[in-house]
Amino acid sequence: MDQARLRRDPAYDGVFFIAVRTTGIYCRPVCRVRQPLSRNISFFPSAAAAEKAGYRSCLKCRPESAPFCPAWNGTRTTVERACKLIDAGALDRDSAGTVAALAARCGVGVRHLTRLFGQHLGASPSEVAQSRRVQRALQLITNSQLPMAQIALQSGFGSLRRFNELFVARYGRPPTALRRVRPHHISPPAPLPS
């Protein structure tokens, strides 16, 4: 680690952090400040560990924004967290179900969350949730023999009517017609003659 620090090796950026006992500051291995003496430094596996030990972050290299930390990903982190909540059903029929509740869980306002979704995904949170519901429904339609009402509920739709309307609007046919066109099981090929 000391050799990587002395080389300012970018491969170790975010892998470990250097804390300087004489200044009380911690840095990234790529920091451009004058190199401290090896006897005055300690190594930490994360910025949080260095802060817990009482060190302050360097104002030049901003170690809290090192690779692999949420600040480094910027606003993408908020969108990823919101997408995980959507996947878990945050905008489905049984949960609080509003974009305002989703935004509150992510710690941002509704307008800001909608703006971030537009910037990173090109769609609103509601549109992303609807697309995920349709994807889940398509998987169930093609991979199961469940009745359509049960597929609609398991996919996160509030009603069978809304489920059918959306499929007709998107695919020009009801979901039952999609089940009829699914690929049939193919019998295994005959063995080659020896």
N, C-alpha and C. Protein backbone atom coordinates (compact mmCIF):
# COMPACT_ATOMS: atom_id res chain seq x y z
N MET A 1 0.82 -1.19 0.00
CA MET A 1 0.00 0.00 0.00
C MET A 1 0.86 1.26 0.00
N ASP A 2 1.98 1.21 0.74
CA ASP A 2 2.85 2.38 0.78
C ASP A 2 3.46 2.63 -0.60
N GLN A 3 3.83 1.56 -1.31
CA GLN A 3 4.38 1.73 -2.66
C GLN A 3 3.33 2.31 -3.61
N ALA A 4 2.11 1.84 -3.51
CA ALA A 4 1.02 2.36 -4.35
C ALA A 4 0.79 3.84 -4.04
N ARG A 5 0.86 4.20 -2.79
CA ARG A 5 0.70 5.60 -2.39
C ARG A 5 1.80 6.46 -2.97
N LEU A 6 3.05 5.99 -2.88
CA LEU A 6 4.18 6.76 -3.39
C LEU A 6 4.13 6.91 -4.91
N ARG A 7 3.58 5.91 -5.60
CA ARG A 7 3.43 5.98 -7.07
C ARG A 7 2.17 6.75 -7.48
N ARG A 8 1.29 7.01 -6.51
CA ARG A 8 -0.03 7.60 -6.78
C ARG A 8 -0.77 6.75 -7.81
N ASP A 9 -0.78 5.46 -7.56
CA ASP A 9 -1.33 4.48 -8.48
C ASP A 9 -2.86 4.58 -8.50
N PRO A 10 -3.46 4.92 -9.65
CA PRO A 10 -4.92 5.06 -9.72
C PRO A 10 -5.67 3.73 -9.56
N ALA A 11 -4.98 2.61 -9.71
CA ALA A 11 -5.64 1.31 -9.53
C ALA A 11 -6.07 1.11 -8.08
N TYR A 12 -5.48 1.84 -7.14
CA TYR A 12 -5.82 1.68 -5.73
C TYR A 12 -6.73 2.78 -5.22
N ASP A 13 -7.16 3.67 -6.11
CA ASP A 13 -8.03 4.76 -5.71
C ASP A 13 -9.38 4.20 -5.26
N GLY A 14 -9.74 4.44 -4.02
CA GLY A 14 -10.99 3.93 -3.46
C GLY A 14 -10.84 2.58 -2.80
N VAL A 15 -9.69 1.92 -2.97
CA VAL A 15 -9.45 0.62 -2.35
C VAL A 15 -9.00 0.80 -0.91
N PHE A 16 -8.15 1.80 -0.67
CA PHE A 16 -7.74 2.14 0.69
C PHE A 16 -7.52 3.64 0.78
N PHE A 17 -7.41 4.13 2.02
CA PHE A 17 -7.22 5.55 2.28
C PHE A 17 -6.03 5.74 3.19
N ILE A 18 -5.36 6.88 3.05
CA ILE A 18 -4.16 7.19 3.83
C ILE A 18 -4.50 8.29 4.83
N ALA A 19 -4.21 8.06 6.08
CA ALA A 19 -4.43 9.07 7.12
C ALA A 19 -3.07 9.53 7.63
N VAL A 20 -2.91 10.84 7.77
CA VAL A 20 -1.64 11.41 8.22
C VAL A 20 -1.81 11.85 9.67
N ARG A 21 -1.08 11.19 10.57
CA ARG A 21 -1.21 11.47 12.01
C ARG A 21 -0.85 12.91 12.37
N THR A 22 0.15 13.47 11.70
CA THR A 22 0.62 14.81 12.07
C THR A 22 -0.35 15.92 11.67
N THR A 23 -1.17 15.68 10.66
CA THR A 23 -2.11 16.72 10.23
C THR A 23 -3.55 16.41 10.61
N GLY A 24 -3.87 15.12 10.87
CA GLY A 24 -5.24 14.73 11.19
C GLY A 24 -6.14 14.66 9.97
N ILE A 25 -5.53 14.53 8.79
CA ILE A 25 -6.28 14.51 7.54
C ILE A 25 -6.09 13.16 6.86
N TYR A 26 -7.14 12.69 6.16
CA TYR A 26 -6.99 11.47 5.37
C TYR A 26 -7.21 11.77 3.89
N CYS A 27 -6.52 11.03 3.04
CA CYS A 27 -6.53 11.27 1.59
C CYS A 27 -6.71 9.98 0.81
N ARG A 28 -6.90 10.15 -0.48
CA ARG A 28 -6.89 9.04 -1.42
C ARG A 28 -5.45 8.76 -1.83
N PRO A 29 -5.14 7.56 -2.30
CA PRO A 29 -3.76 7.26 -2.72
C PRO A 29 -3.29 8.10 -3.90
N VAL A 30 -4.19 8.72 -4.64
CA VAL A 30 -3.81 9.51 -5.81
C VAL A 30 -3.69 11.00 -5.51
N CYS A 31 -3.84 11.39 -4.26
CA CYS A 31 -3.83 12.80 -3.90
C CYS A 31 -2.51 13.46 -4.32
N ARG A 32 -2.61 14.70 -4.85
CA ARG A 32 -1.45 15.42 -5.39
C ARG A 32 -0.72 16.28 -4.35
N VAL A 33 -1.07 16.18 -3.10
CA VAL A 33 -0.36 16.95 -2.08
C VAL A 33 1.03 16.34 -1.87
N ARG A 34 1.89 17.09 -1.19
CA ARG A 34 3.24 16.59 -0.90
C ARG A 34 3.14 15.32 -0.08
N GLN A 35 3.88 14.31 -0.46
CA GLN A 35 3.83 13.00 0.20
C GLN A 35 4.33 13.09 1.65
N PRO A 36 3.53 12.62 2.60
CA PRO A 36 4.00 12.59 4.00
C PRO A 36 5.00 11.45 4.20
N LEU A 37 5.73 11.54 5.29
CA LEU A 37 6.67 10.47 5.62
C LEU A 37 5.91 9.19 5.95
N SER A 38 6.46 8.07 5.57
CA SER A 38 5.79 6.78 5.79
C SER A 38 5.52 6.52 7.26
N ARG A 39 6.38 7.00 8.14
CA ARG A 39 6.19 6.73 9.58
C ARG A 39 5.01 7.52 10.16
N ASN A 40 4.51 8.51 9.43
CA ASN A 40 3.42 9.34 9.92
C ASN A 40 2.05 8.95 9.38
N ILE A 41 1.96 7.85 8.66
CA ILE A 41 0.68 7.51 8.03
C ILE A 41 0.10 6.21 8.57
N SER A 42 -1.20 6.10 8.40
CA SER A 42 -1.94 4.88 8.70
C SER A 42 -2.83 4.60 7.49
N PHE A 43 -3.18 3.35 7.29
CA PHE A 43 -4.04 2.97 6.18
C PHE A 43 -5.40 2.54 6.71
N PHE A 44 -6.46 2.90 5.96
CA PHE A 44 -7.82 2.53 6.33
C PHE A 44 -8.53 1.95 5.10
N PRO A 45 -9.42 0.99 5.32
CA PRO A 45 -10.12 0.37 4.18
C PRO A 45 -11.24 1.23 3.59
N SER A 46 -11.69 2.25 4.34
CA SER A 46 -12.77 3.09 3.84
C SER A 46 -12.65 4.49 4.43
N ALA A 47 -13.33 5.44 3.78
CA ALA A 47 -13.36 6.80 4.28
C ALA A 47 -14.06 6.85 5.64
N ALA A 48 -15.09 6.03 5.79
CA ALA A 48 -15.82 6.00 7.06
C ALA A 48 -14.92 5.54 8.21
N ALA A 49 -14.06 4.56 7.94
CA ALA A 49 -13.14 4.07 8.98
C ALA A 49 -12.15 5.16 9.39
N ALA A 50 -11.67 5.92 8.42
CA ALA A 50 -10.75 7.02 8.73
C ALA A 50 -11.45 8.10 9.55
N GLU A 51 -12.68 8.41 9.18
CA GLU A 51 -13.44 9.42 9.93
C GLU A 51 -13.76 8.94 11.34
N LYS A 52 -14.06 7.65 11.46
CA LYS A 52 -14.35 7.09 12.78
C LYS A 52 -13.12 7.21 13.69
N ALA A 53 -11.92 7.09 13.09
CA ALA A 53 -10.68 7.21 13.86
C ALA A 53 -10.34 8.66 14.18
N GLY A 54 -11.15 9.62 13.71
CA GLY A 54 -10.95 11.02 14.06
C GLY A 54 -10.26 11.86 13.00
N TYR A 55 -10.10 11.36 11.79
CA TYR A 55 -9.45 12.12 10.73
C TYR A 55 -10.47 12.91 9.91
N ARG A 56 -10.03 14.07 9.39
CA ARG A 56 -10.87 14.90 8.53
C ARG A 56 -10.50 14.62 7.07
N SER A 57 -11.46 14.80 6.16
CA SER A 57 -11.17 14.54 4.75
C SER A 57 -10.35 15.67 4.13
N CYS A 58 -9.50 15.30 3.20
CA CYS A 58 -8.65 16.25 2.47
C CYS A 58 -9.54 17.09 1.57
N LEU A 59 -9.30 18.40 1.55
CA LEU A 59 -10.11 19.29 0.72
C LEU A 59 -9.64 19.30 -0.73
N LYS A 60 -8.47 18.72 -0.99
CA LYS A 60 -7.94 18.71 -2.35
C LYS A 60 -8.41 17.49 -3.13
N CYS A 61 -8.27 16.28 -2.56
CA CYS A 61 -8.63 15.07 -3.31
C CYS A 61 -10.04 14.56 -3.01
N ARG A 62 -10.72 15.13 -2.04
CA ARG A 62 -12.10 14.77 -1.68
C ARG A 62 -12.28 13.25 -1.56
N PRO A 63 -11.69 12.64 -0.54
CA PRO A 63 -11.75 11.18 -0.42
C PRO A 63 -13.16 10.61 -0.26
N GLU A 64 -14.10 11.42 0.19
CA GLU A 64 -15.47 10.90 0.31
C GLU A 64 -16.09 10.68 -1.05
N SER A 65 -15.46 11.17 -2.12
CA SER A 65 -15.98 10.95 -3.48
C SER A 65 -15.09 10.01 -4.27
N ALA A 66 -14.38 9.14 -3.59
CA ALA A 66 -13.53 8.17 -4.26
C ALA A 66 -14.38 7.13 -4.98
N PRO A 67 -13.80 6.43 -5.96
CA PRO A 67 -14.57 5.39 -6.65
C PRO A 67 -15.13 4.38 -5.66
N PHE A 68 -16.25 3.80 -6.01
CA PHE A 68 -16.95 2.78 -5.23
C PHE A 68 -17.74 3.34 -4.07
N CYS A 69 -17.80 4.64 -3.91
CA CYS A 69 -18.64 5.19 -2.84
C CYS A 69 -19.84 5.90 -3.48
N PRO A 70 -20.96 6.04 -2.77
CA PRO A 70 -22.15 6.65 -3.35
C PRO A 70 -21.93 8.06 -3.91
N ALA A 71 -21.10 8.85 -3.27
CA ALA A 71 -20.87 10.21 -3.77
C ALA A 71 -20.19 10.20 -5.14
N TRP A 72 -19.38 9.19 -5.40
CA TRP A 72 -18.69 9.09 -6.68
C TRP A 72 -19.69 8.85 -7.81
N ASN A 73 -20.71 8.06 -7.54
CA ASN A 73 -21.74 7.81 -8.54
C ASN A 73 -22.66 8.99 -8.72
N GLY A 74 -22.64 9.93 -7.79
CA GLY A 74 -23.47 11.12 -7.91
C GLY A 74 -24.95 10.80 -7.86
N THR A 75 -25.69 11.46 -8.73
CA THR A 75 -27.14 11.31 -8.71
C THR A 75 -27.59 9.94 -9.19
N ARG A 76 -26.71 9.21 -9.87
CA ARG A 76 -27.05 7.86 -10.32
C ARG A 76 -27.38 6.97 -9.12
N THR A 77 -26.75 7.22 -7.98
CA THR A 77 -27.01 6.44 -6.77
C THR A 77 -28.47 6.57 -6.35
N THR A 78 -29.02 7.78 -6.40
CA THR A 78 -30.42 8.00 -6.04
C THR A 78 -31.34 7.25 -6.99
N VAL A 79 -31.04 7.31 -8.28
CA VAL A 79 -31.87 6.62 -9.27
C VAL A 79 -31.79 5.11 -9.07
N GLU A 80 -30.59 4.59 -8.83
CA GLU A 80 -30.44 3.14 -8.60
C GLU A 80 -31.21 2.69 -7.37
N ARG A 81 -31.15 3.50 -6.31
CA ARG A 81 -31.89 3.16 -5.09
C ARG A 81 -33.40 3.17 -5.35
N ALA A 82 -33.86 4.18 -6.08
CA ALA A 82 -35.29 4.26 -6.41
C ALA A 82 -35.70 3.07 -7.28
N CYS A 83 -34.85 2.66 -8.22
CA CYS A 83 -35.18 1.51 -9.07
C CYS A 83 -35.25 0.22 -8.26
N LYS A 84 -34.40 0.08 -7.27
CA LYS A 84 -34.47 -1.10 -6.40
C LYS A 84 -35.78 -1.10 -5.61
N LEU A 85 -36.20 0.07 -5.16
CA LEU A 85 -37.47 0.17 -4.44
C LEU A 85 -38.65 -0.12 -5.38
N ILE A 86 -38.55 0.34 -6.62
CA ILE A 86 -39.59 0.06 -7.61
C ILE A 86 -39.66 -1.44 -7.87
N ASP A 87 -38.49 -2.08 -8.02
CA ASP A 87 -38.45 -3.53 -8.23
C ASP A 87 -39.08 -4.28 -7.06
N ALA A 88 -38.93 -3.72 -5.86
CA ALA A 88 -39.50 -4.34 -4.66
C ALA A 88 -40.99 -4.02 -4.51
N GLY A 89 -41.55 -3.24 -5.45
CA GLY A 89 -42.98 -2.97 -5.43
C GLY A 89 -43.38 -1.63 -4.85
N ALA A 90 -42.46 -0.67 -4.77
CA ALA A 90 -42.78 0.62 -4.15
C ALA A 90 -43.90 1.37 -4.87
N LEU A 91 -44.08 1.15 -6.16
CA LEU A 91 -45.15 1.84 -6.89
C LEU A 91 -46.24 0.90 -7.35
N ASP A 92 -46.29 -0.30 -6.77
CA ASP A 92 -47.33 -1.26 -7.12
C ASP A 92 -48.57 -1.02 -6.29
N ARG A 93 -49.60 -1.78 -6.57
CA ARG A 93 -50.93 -1.57 -6.01
C ARG A 93 -51.02 -1.65 -4.49
N ASP A 94 -50.22 -2.51 -3.83
CA ASP A 94 -50.41 -2.73 -2.40
C ASP A 94 -49.62 -1.78 -1.50
N SER A 95 -48.59 -1.15 -2.03
CA SER A 95 -47.75 -0.29 -1.20
C SER A 95 -48.30 1.12 -1.17
N ALA A 96 -47.55 2.03 -0.57
CA ALA A 96 -47.98 3.43 -0.54
C ALA A 96 -48.25 3.91 -1.96
N GLY A 97 -47.47 3.40 -2.92
CA GLY A 97 -47.79 3.52 -4.31
C GLY A 97 -47.68 4.88 -4.98
N THR A 98 -47.15 5.88 -4.33
CA THR A 98 -47.05 7.17 -4.98
C THR A 98 -45.60 7.54 -5.22
N VAL A 99 -45.39 8.34 -6.25
CA VAL A 99 -44.05 8.81 -6.53
C VAL A 99 -43.56 9.70 -5.38
N ALA A 100 -44.48 10.40 -4.73
CA ALA A 100 -44.11 11.25 -3.58
C ALA A 100 -43.56 10.39 -2.44
N ALA A 101 -44.18 9.24 -2.19
CA ALA A 101 -43.68 8.34 -1.14
C ALA A 101 -42.32 7.77 -1.53
N LEU A 102 -42.15 7.44 -2.81
CA LEU A 102 -40.86 6.93 -3.29
C LEU A 102 -39.78 7.99 -3.14
N ALA A 103 -40.09 9.22 -3.52
CA ALA A 103 -39.12 10.31 -3.39
C ALA A 103 -38.75 10.54 -1.93
N ALA A 104 -39.72 10.47 -1.04
CA ALA A 104 -39.45 10.65 0.39
C ALA A 104 -38.53 9.56 0.91
N ARG A 105 -38.74 8.33 0.45
CA ARG A 105 -37.88 7.22 0.87
C ARG A 105 -36.45 7.39 0.36
N CYS A 106 -36.29 8.10 -0.77
CA CYS A 106 -34.96 8.34 -1.34
C CYS A 106 -34.34 9.64 -0.81
N GLY A 107 -35.12 10.39 -0.05
CA GLY A 107 -34.59 11.61 0.56
C GLY A 107 -34.52 12.81 -0.39
N VAL A 108 -35.35 12.81 -1.44
CA VAL A 108 -35.38 13.93 -2.38
C VAL A 108 -36.83 14.32 -2.64
N GLY A 109 -37.02 15.43 -3.32
CA GLY A 109 -38.36 15.87 -3.68
C GLY A 109 -38.86 15.16 -4.92
N VAL A 110 -40.17 15.22 -5.15
CA VAL A 110 -40.79 14.55 -6.30
C VAL A 110 -40.25 15.11 -7.61
N ARG A 111 -40.19 16.42 -7.73
CA ARG A 111 -39.71 17.03 -8.97
C ARG A 111 -38.26 16.66 -9.24
N HIS A 112 -37.43 16.65 -8.18
CA HIS A 112 -36.02 16.30 -8.37
C HIS A 112 -35.88 14.83 -8.78
N LEU A 113 -36.63 13.94 -8.15
CA LEU A 113 -36.56 12.52 -8.51
C LEU A 113 -37.01 12.32 -9.96
N THR A 114 -38.08 12.97 -10.36
CA THR A 114 -38.55 12.86 -11.74
C THR A 114 -37.51 13.40 -12.72
N ARG A 115 -36.87 14.49 -12.37
CA ARG A 115 -35.80 15.07 -13.21
C ARG A 115 -34.62 14.11 -13.33
N LEU A 116 -34.23 13.48 -12.21
CA LEU A 116 -33.11 12.52 -12.23
C LEU A 116 -33.44 11.30 -13.09
N PHE A 117 -34.67 10.81 -12.99
CA PHE A 117 -35.09 9.68 -13.82
C PHE A 117 -35.04 10.05 -15.30
N GLY A 118 -35.50 11.26 -15.63
CA GLY A 118 -35.44 11.71 -17.01
C GLY A 118 -34.01 11.81 -17.51
N GLN A 119 -33.14 12.31 -16.66
CA GLN A 119 -31.73 12.49 -17.02
C GLN A 119 -31.02 11.15 -17.21
N HIS A 120 -31.24 10.21 -16.30
CA HIS A 120 -30.49 8.94 -16.33
C HIS A 120 -31.19 7.82 -17.10
N LEU A 121 -32.53 7.82 -17.11
CA LEU A 121 -33.26 6.70 -17.73
C LEU A 121 -34.16 7.13 -18.88
N GLY A 122 -34.39 8.43 -19.03
CA GLY A 122 -35.24 8.90 -20.11
C GLY A 122 -36.72 8.60 -19.91
N ALA A 123 -37.13 8.32 -18.69
CA ALA A 123 -38.53 8.01 -18.37
C ALA A 123 -38.81 8.43 -16.93
N SER A 124 -40.08 8.60 -16.62
CA SER A 124 -40.46 8.98 -15.25
C SER A 124 -40.47 7.74 -14.35
N PRO A 125 -40.49 7.92 -13.03
CA PRO A 125 -40.59 6.76 -12.13
C PRO A 125 -41.82 5.90 -12.40
N SER A 126 -42.95 6.54 -12.70
CA SER A 126 -44.18 5.78 -12.99
C SER A 126 -44.03 4.96 -14.26
N GLU A 127 -43.39 5.53 -15.27
CA GLU A 127 -43.18 4.80 -16.52
C GLU A 127 -42.23 3.62 -16.33
N VAL A 128 -41.20 3.82 -15.52
CA VAL A 128 -40.27 2.72 -15.22
C VAL A 128 -41.00 1.62 -14.46
N ALA A 129 -41.82 1.99 -13.49
CA ALA A 129 -42.58 0.99 -12.72
C ALA A 129 -43.53 0.23 -13.62
N GLN A 130 -44.20 0.94 -14.52
CA GLN A 130 -45.14 0.28 -15.43
C GLN A 130 -44.40 -0.69 -16.36
N SER A 131 -43.25 -0.28 -16.85
CA SER A 131 -42.45 -1.16 -17.71
C SER A 131 -42.01 -2.41 -16.96
N ARG A 132 -41.61 -2.24 -15.70
CA ARG A 132 -41.19 -3.41 -14.90
C ARG A 132 -42.36 -4.35 -14.64
N ARG A 133 -43.56 -3.79 -14.41
CA ARG A 133 -44.74 -4.63 -14.21
C ARG A 133 -45.04 -5.44 -15.47
N VAL A 134 -44.94 -4.79 -16.62
CA VAL A 134 -45.18 -5.49 -17.89
C VAL A 134 -44.15 -6.59 -18.10
N GLN A 135 -42.90 -6.31 -17.78
CA GLN A 135 -41.85 -7.33 -17.93
C GLN A 135 -42.11 -8.53 -17.03
N ARG A 136 -42.50 -8.25 -15.78
CA ARG A 136 -42.81 -9.36 -14.87
C ARG A 136 -44.00 -10.16 -15.39
N ALA A 137 -45.01 -9.46 -15.91
CA ALA A 137 -46.19 -10.14 -16.44
C ALA A 137 -45.83 -11.00 -17.65
N LEU A 138 -45.00 -10.48 -18.55
CA LEU A 138 -44.61 -11.25 -19.73
C LEU A 138 -43.87 -12.53 -19.34
N GLN A 139 -43.02 -12.44 -18.33
CA GLN A 139 -42.32 -13.64 -17.86
C GLN A 139 -43.31 -14.67 -17.33
N LEU A 140 -44.28 -14.21 -16.56
CA LEU A 140 -45.28 -15.14 -16.02
C LEU A 140 -46.17 -15.71 -17.12
N ILE A 141 -46.51 -14.89 -18.10
CA ILE A 141 -47.35 -15.38 -19.21
C ILE A 141 -46.64 -16.48 -19.97
N THR A 142 -45.36 -16.27 -20.27
CA THR A 142 -44.64 -17.24 -21.09
C THR A 142 -44.10 -18.44 -20.29
N ASN A 143 -43.91 -18.28 -18.99
CA ASN A 143 -43.28 -19.36 -18.22
C ASN A 143 -44.19 -20.05 -17.22
N SER A 144 -45.48 -19.72 -17.23
CA SER A 144 -46.37 -20.36 -16.27
C SER A 144 -47.73 -20.61 -16.90
N GLN A 145 -48.53 -21.35 -16.19
CA GLN A 145 -49.92 -21.61 -16.61
C GLN A 145 -50.90 -20.90 -15.68
N LEU A 146 -50.43 -19.91 -14.94
CA LEU A 146 -51.30 -19.18 -14.01
C LEU A 146 -52.42 -18.47 -14.76
N PRO A 147 -53.58 -18.32 -14.13
CA PRO A 147 -54.66 -17.54 -14.75
C PRO A 147 -54.24 -16.08 -14.88
N MET A 148 -54.78 -15.39 -15.85
CA MET A 148 -54.40 -14.00 -16.11
C MET A 148 -54.66 -13.08 -14.92
N ALA A 149 -55.73 -13.32 -14.19
CA ALA A 149 -56.01 -12.48 -13.02
C ALA A 149 -54.90 -12.61 -11.98
N GLN A 150 -54.41 -13.81 -11.79
CA GLN A 150 -53.33 -14.02 -10.83
C GLN A 150 -52.02 -13.42 -11.33
N ILE A 151 -51.77 -13.51 -12.63
CA ILE A 151 -50.57 -12.90 -13.22
C ILE A 151 -50.62 -11.39 -13.03
N ALA A 152 -51.79 -10.80 -13.27
CA ALA A 152 -51.94 -9.35 -13.11
C ALA A 152 -51.61 -8.92 -11.69
N LEU A 153 -52.14 -9.64 -10.71
CA LEU A 153 -51.89 -9.28 -9.31
C LEU A 153 -50.44 -9.52 -8.91
N GLN A 154 -49.86 -10.64 -9.34
CA GLN A 154 -48.46 -10.93 -8.98
C GLN A 154 -47.49 -9.98 -9.66
N SER A 155 -47.88 -9.42 -10.79
CA SER A 155 -47.01 -8.48 -11.52
C SER A 155 -47.09 -7.07 -10.96
N GLY A 156 -48.07 -6.81 -10.09
CA GLY A 156 -48.18 -5.50 -9.48
C GLY A 156 -49.28 -4.62 -10.02
N PHE A 157 -50.12 -5.14 -10.90
CA PHE A 157 -51.24 -4.36 -11.42
C PHE A 157 -52.35 -4.31 -10.37
N GLY A 158 -53.04 -3.20 -10.33
CA GLY A 158 -54.12 -3.02 -9.37
C GLY A 158 -55.39 -3.76 -9.75
N SER A 159 -55.55 -4.00 -11.07
CA SER A 159 -56.77 -4.69 -11.50
C SER A 159 -56.51 -5.42 -12.81
N LEU A 160 -57.34 -6.42 -13.08
CA LEU A 160 -57.24 -7.18 -14.32
C LEU A 160 -57.59 -6.28 -15.51
N ARG A 161 -58.55 -5.37 -15.29
CA ARG A 161 -58.94 -4.46 -16.37
C ARG A 161 -57.76 -3.59 -16.82
N ARG A 162 -57.04 -3.00 -15.87
CA ARG A 162 -55.87 -2.16 -16.19
C ARG A 162 -54.79 -3.00 -16.88
N PHE A 163 -54.59 -4.21 -16.42
CA PHE A 163 -53.63 -5.15 -17.00
C PHE A 163 -53.96 -5.40 -18.47
N ASN A 164 -55.22 -5.73 -18.75
CA ASN A 164 -55.65 -5.98 -20.13
C ASN A 164 -55.53 -4.73 -21.01
N GLU A 165 -55.95 -3.59 -20.48
CA GLU A 165 -55.87 -2.33 -21.25
C GLU A 165 -54.44 -2.02 -21.66
N LEU A 166 -53.52 -2.19 -20.73
CA LEU A 166 -52.12 -1.87 -21.01
C LEU A 166 -51.55 -2.80 -22.07
N PHE A 167 -51.87 -4.09 -21.99
CA PHE A 167 -51.35 -5.03 -22.98
C PHE A 167 -51.93 -4.75 -24.37
N VAL A 168 -53.21 -4.42 -24.44
CA VAL A 168 -53.82 -4.09 -25.73
C VAL A 168 -53.17 -2.82 -26.30
N ALA A 169 -52.93 -1.82 -25.44
CA ALA A 169 -52.31 -0.58 -25.89
C ALA A 169 -50.87 -0.80 -26.37
N ARG A 170 -50.12 -1.64 -25.66
CA ARG A 170 -48.71 -1.85 -26.00
C ARG A 170 -48.50 -2.84 -27.14
N TYR A 171 -49.26 -3.92 -27.13
CA TYR A 171 -49.00 -5.02 -28.06
C TYR A 171 -50.10 -5.22 -29.10
N GLY A 172 -51.19 -4.46 -28.99
CA GLY A 172 -52.28 -4.59 -29.95
C GLY A 172 -53.07 -5.87 -29.82
N ARG A 173 -52.93 -6.56 -28.72
CA ARG A 173 -53.68 -7.79 -28.46
C ARG A 173 -53.75 -8.03 -26.96
N PRO A 174 -54.71 -8.81 -26.52
CA PRO A 174 -54.82 -9.09 -25.08
C PRO A 174 -53.71 -10.05 -24.64
N PRO A 175 -53.46 -10.11 -23.34
CA PRO A 175 -52.40 -10.98 -22.85
C PRO A 175 -52.64 -12.46 -23.15
N THR A 176 -53.89 -12.88 -23.24
CA THR A 176 -54.16 -14.29 -23.56
C THR A 176 -53.64 -14.63 -24.95
N ALA A 177 -53.68 -13.69 -25.88
CA ALA A 177 -53.16 -13.93 -27.23
C ALA A 177 -51.65 -14.07 -27.20
N LEU A 178 -50.98 -13.38 -26.28
CA LEU A 178 -49.53 -13.52 -26.16
C LEU A 178 -49.16 -14.90 -25.64
N ARG A 179 -50.00 -15.47 -24.81
CA ARG A 179 -49.73 -16.82 -24.30
C ARG A 179 -49.82 -17.83 -25.43
N ARG A 180 -50.72 -17.61 -26.37
CA ARG A 180 -50.88 -18.56 -27.48
C ARG A 180 -49.70 -18.55 -28.44
N VAL A 181 -48.96 -17.44 -28.52
CA VAL A 181 -47.85 -17.37 -29.47
C VAL A 181 -46.50 -17.68 -28.82
N ARG A 182 -46.51 -18.10 -27.58
CA ARG A 182 -45.23 -18.39 -26.92
C ARG A 182 -44.59 -19.61 -27.56
N PRO A 183 -43.28 -19.71 -27.51
CA PRO A 183 -42.60 -20.83 -28.14
C PRO A 183 -42.96 -22.14 -27.46
N HIS A 184 -43.19 -23.17 -28.27
CA HIS A 184 -43.51 -24.48 -27.74
C HIS A 184 -42.22 -25.23 -27.40
N HIS A 185 -42.37 -26.22 -26.55
CA HIS A 185 -41.21 -27.02 -26.20
C HIS A 185 -40.74 -27.79 -27.42
N ILE A 186 -39.47 -27.79 -27.64
CA ILE A 186 -38.89 -28.48 -28.79
C ILE A 186 -38.35 -29.81 -28.30
N SER A 187 -38.69 -30.85 -29.02
CA SER A 187 -38.21 -32.17 -28.59
C SER A 187 -36.71 -32.24 -28.88
N PRO A 188 -35.98 -33.01 -28.07
CA PRO A 188 -34.54 -33.10 -28.26
C PRO A 188 -34.21 -33.74 -29.61
N PRO A 189 -33.08 -33.35 -30.23
CA PRO A 189 -32.74 -33.91 -31.52
C PRO A 189 -32.42 -35.40 -31.40
N ALA A 190 -32.66 -36.08 -32.51
CA ALA A 190 -32.37 -37.53 -32.53
C ALA A 190 -30.85 -37.72 -32.47
N PRO A 191 -30.41 -38.81 -31.82
CA PRO A 191 -28.96 -39.05 -31.75
C PRO A 191 -28.38 -39.32 -33.15
N LEU A 192 -27.16 -38.89 -33.33
CA LEU A 192 -26.48 -39.12 -34.59
C LEU A 192 -26.14 -40.58 -34.77
N PRO A 193 -26.24 -41.11 -36.01
CA PRO A 193 -25.87 -42.52 -36.22
C PRO A 193 -24.38 -42.68 -36.05
N SER A 194 -23.98 -43.80 -35.46
CA SER A 194 -22.55 -44.03 -35.26
C SER A 194 -21.94 -44.87 -36.34
